[in-house]
Amino acid sequence: MITKEKAKEIGDKYLKESNFEYESIYPVDKIGYIEKDEIPFGKRKGERADVYHYHFTQLWGLDERGFSLSIDAQTGEPLYIITPHGYLDVEE
């Protein structure tokens, strides 16, 4: 299993490599962890996995809106991004 610190590294790398725009990234102590979470979206929809939730914000007009990148805690695989309007698949 990866650590919260490793999950933050994976999230930081994903945002940088995917050119996903963001305003701020939450610190490592704000990364959430859920055991046996049901994956609700994407290619692994319906599976259960231990998942870290890496949080960041985007500027929408004058507001900052929260986003969450879900990362498989066993493999480090980015799974999907929760947005204010739904979800985004993580591109390979």
C-alpha atoms as a PDB file:
ATOM      1  CA  MET A   1       0.000   0.000   0.000  1.00  0.00           C
ATOM      2  CA  ILE A   2       1.229   3.491  -0.830  1.00  0.00           C
ATOM      3  CA  THR A   3       1.436   6.261   1.773  1.00  0.00           C
ATOM      4  CA  LYS A   4      -0.404   9.587   1.815  1.00  0.00           C
ATOM      5  CA  GLU A   5       2.878  11.237   0.846  1.00  0.00           C
ATOM      6  CA  LYS A   6       3.182   8.966  -2.199  1.00  0.00           C
ATOM      7  CA  ALA A   7      -0.482   9.660  -3.098  1.00  0.00           C
ATOM      8  CA  LYS A   8       0.329  13.396  -3.020  1.00  0.00           C
ATOM      9  CA  GLU A   9       3.325  12.826  -5.314  1.00  0.00           C
ATOM     10  CA  ILE A  10       1.116  10.867  -7.739  1.00  0.00           C
ATOM     11  CA  GLY A  11      -1.553  13.588  -7.673  1.00  0.00           C
ATOM     12  CA  ASP A  12       0.990  16.371  -8.172  1.00  0.00           C
ATOM     13  CA  LYS A  13       2.539  14.467 -11.093  1.00  0.00           C
ATOM     14  CA  TYR A  14      -0.868  13.773 -12.648  1.00  0.00           C
ATOM     15  CA  LEU A  15      -1.871  17.453 -12.540  1.00  0.00           C
ATOM     16  CA  LYS A  16       1.446  18.523 -14.043  1.00  0.00           C
ATOM     17  CA  GLU A  17       1.573  15.907 -16.815  1.00  0.00           C
ATOM     18  CA  SER A  18      -2.081  16.278 -17.805  1.00  0.00           C
ATOM     19  CA  ASN A  19      -1.860  20.095 -17.865  1.00  0.00           C
ATOM     20  CA  PHE A  20      -4.917  20.170 -15.590  1.00  0.00           C
ATOM     21  CA  GLU A  21      -5.313  23.741 -14.410  1.00  0.00           C
ATOM     22  CA  TYR A  22      -5.580  24.297 -10.651  1.00  0.00           C
ATOM     23  CA  GLU A  23      -5.435  27.139  -8.179  1.00  0.00           C
ATOM     24  CA  SER A  24      -4.300  25.350  -5.022  1.00  0.00           C
ATOM     25  CA  ILE A  25      -3.479  21.874  -3.730  1.00  0.00           C
ATOM     26  CA  TYR A  26      -4.448  20.729  -0.254  1.00  0.00           C
ATOM     27  CA  PRO A  27      -1.601  19.625   2.043  1.00  0.00           C
ATOM     28  CA  VAL A  28      -0.835  15.950   2.615  1.00  0.00           C
ATOM     29  CA  ASP A  29      -2.673  15.895   5.968  1.00  0.00           C
ATOM     30  CA  LYS A  30      -5.927  16.726   4.112  1.00  0.00           C
ATOM     31  CA  ILE A  31      -5.702  13.663   1.847  1.00  0.00           C
ATOM     32  CA  GLY A  32      -8.615  11.388   2.672  1.00  0.00           C
ATOM     33  CA  TYR A  33      -8.509   7.584   2.862  1.00  0.00           C
ATOM     34  CA  ILE A  34     -11.424   5.154   2.552  1.00  0.00           C
ATOM     35  CA  GLU A  35     -11.118   1.375   2.878  1.00  0.00           C
ATOM     36  CA  LYS A  36     -13.088  -0.827   0.496  1.00  0.00           C
ATOM     37  CA  ASP A  37     -14.660   2.190  -1.223  1.00  0.00           C
ATOM     38  CA  GLU A  38     -16.938   1.358  -4.155  1.00  0.00           C
ATOM     39  CA  ILE A  39     -15.596   2.985  -7.296  1.00  0.00           C
ATOM     40  CA  PRO A  40     -18.603   4.846  -8.747  1.00  0.00           C
ATOM     41  CA  PHE A  41     -17.154   5.954 -12.104  1.00  0.00           C
ATOM     42  CA  GLY A  42     -14.792   5.089 -14.913  1.00  0.00           C
ATOM     43  CA  LYS A  43     -13.203   1.904 -16.159  1.00  0.00           C
ATOM     44  CA  ARG A  44     -13.289   0.229 -12.709  1.00  0.00           C
ATOM     45  CA  LYS A  45     -16.869   1.219 -11.903  1.00  0.00           C
ATOM     46  CA  GLY A  46     -18.467  -1.117  -9.344  1.00  0.00           C
ATOM     47  CA  GLU A  47     -15.187  -2.530  -8.007  1.00  0.00           C
ATOM     48  CA  ARG A  48     -14.147  -2.015  -4.379  1.00  0.00           C
ATOM     49  CA  ALA A  49     -10.729  -0.639  -3.495  1.00  0.00           C
ATOM     50  CA  ASP A  50      -8.846   1.196  -0.770  1.00  0.00           C
ATOM     51  CA  VAL A  51      -8.728   4.764  -2.100  1.00  0.00           C
ATOM     52  CA  TYR A  52      -6.972   8.033  -1.309  1.00  0.00           C
ATOM     53  CA  HIS A  53      -8.746  11.289  -2.194  1.00  0.00           C
ATOM     54  CA  TYR A  54      -6.312  14.025  -3.273  1.00  0.00           C
ATOM     55  CA  HIS A  55      -7.964  17.475  -3.170  1.00  0.00           C
ATOM     56  CA  PHE A  56      -7.270  20.585  -5.224  1.00  0.00           C
ATOM     57  CA  THR A  57      -9.156  23.678  -6.397  1.00  0.00           C
ATOM     58  CA  GLN A  58      -9.751  25.561  -9.639  1.00  0.00           C
ATOM     59  CA  LEU A  59     -10.662  29.194 -10.024  1.00  0.00           C
ATOM     60  CA  TRP A  60     -14.158  29.577 -11.535  1.00  0.00           C
ATOM     61  CA  GLY A  61     -14.789  33.290 -11.987  1.00  0.00           C
ATOM     62  CA  LEU A  62     -14.198  34.748  -8.546  1.00  0.00           C
ATOM     63  CA  ASP A  63     -14.758  31.443  -6.702  1.00  0.00           C
ATOM     64  CA  GLU A  64     -12.451  28.532  -5.998  1.00  0.00           C
ATOM     65  CA  ARG A  65     -14.189  25.195  -6.578  1.00  0.00           C
ATOM     66  CA  GLY A  66     -13.040  21.920  -5.033  1.00  0.00           C
ATOM     67  CA  PHE A  67     -12.002  18.832  -6.983  1.00  0.00           C
ATOM     68  CA  SER A  68     -10.905  15.386  -5.803  1.00  0.00           C
ATOM     69  CA  LEU A  69      -8.623  12.937  -7.613  1.00  0.00           C
ATOM     70  CA  SER A  70      -9.216   9.362  -6.420  1.00  0.00           C
ATOM     71  CA  ILE A  71      -6.082   7.188  -6.293  1.00  0.00           C
ATOM     72  CA  ASP A  72      -5.998   3.422  -5.700  1.00  0.00           C
ATOM     73  CA  ALA A  73      -4.127   2.999  -2.392  1.00  0.00           C
ATOM     74  CA  GLN A  74      -2.707  -0.404  -3.384  1.00  0.00           C
ATOM     75  CA  THR A  75      -1.395   0.365  -6.873  1.00  0.00           C
ATOM     76  CA  GLY A  76      -1.153   4.167  -6.974  1.00  0.00           C
ATOM     77  CA  GLU A  77      -3.360   4.235 -10.078  1.00  0.00           C
ATOM     78  CA  PRO A  78      -5.297   7.509 -10.572  1.00  0.00           C
ATOM     79  CA  LEU A  79      -8.942   6.477 -11.010  1.00  0.00           C
ATOM     80  CA  TYR A  80     -11.185   9.506 -11.649  1.00  0.00           C
ATOM     81  CA  ILE A  81     -11.721  13.156 -10.725  1.00  0.00           C
ATOM     82  CA  ILE A  82     -14.821  14.394  -8.912  1.00  0.00           C
ATOM     83  CA  THR A  83     -15.795  17.880 -10.135  1.00  0.00           C
ATOM     84  CA  PRO A  84     -18.511  20.305  -9.036  1.00  0.00           C
ATOM     85  CA  HIS A  85     -20.607  19.013 -11.961  1.00  0.00           C
ATOM     86  CA  GLY A  86     -19.893  15.267 -11.959  1.00  0.00           C
ATOM     87  CA  TYR A  87     -16.743  13.328 -12.756  1.00  0.00           C
ATOM     88  CA  LEU A  88     -13.936  13.093 -15.306  1.00  0.00           C
ATOM     89  CA  ASP A  89     -12.255   9.889 -16.404  1.00  0.00           C
ATOM     90  CA  VAL A  90      -8.530   9.854 -15.854  1.00  0.00           C
ATOM     91  CA  GLU A  91      -6.800   9.591 -19.197  1.00  0.00           C
ATOM     92  CA  GLU A  92      -4.191   6.915 -19.720  1.00  0.00           C
END
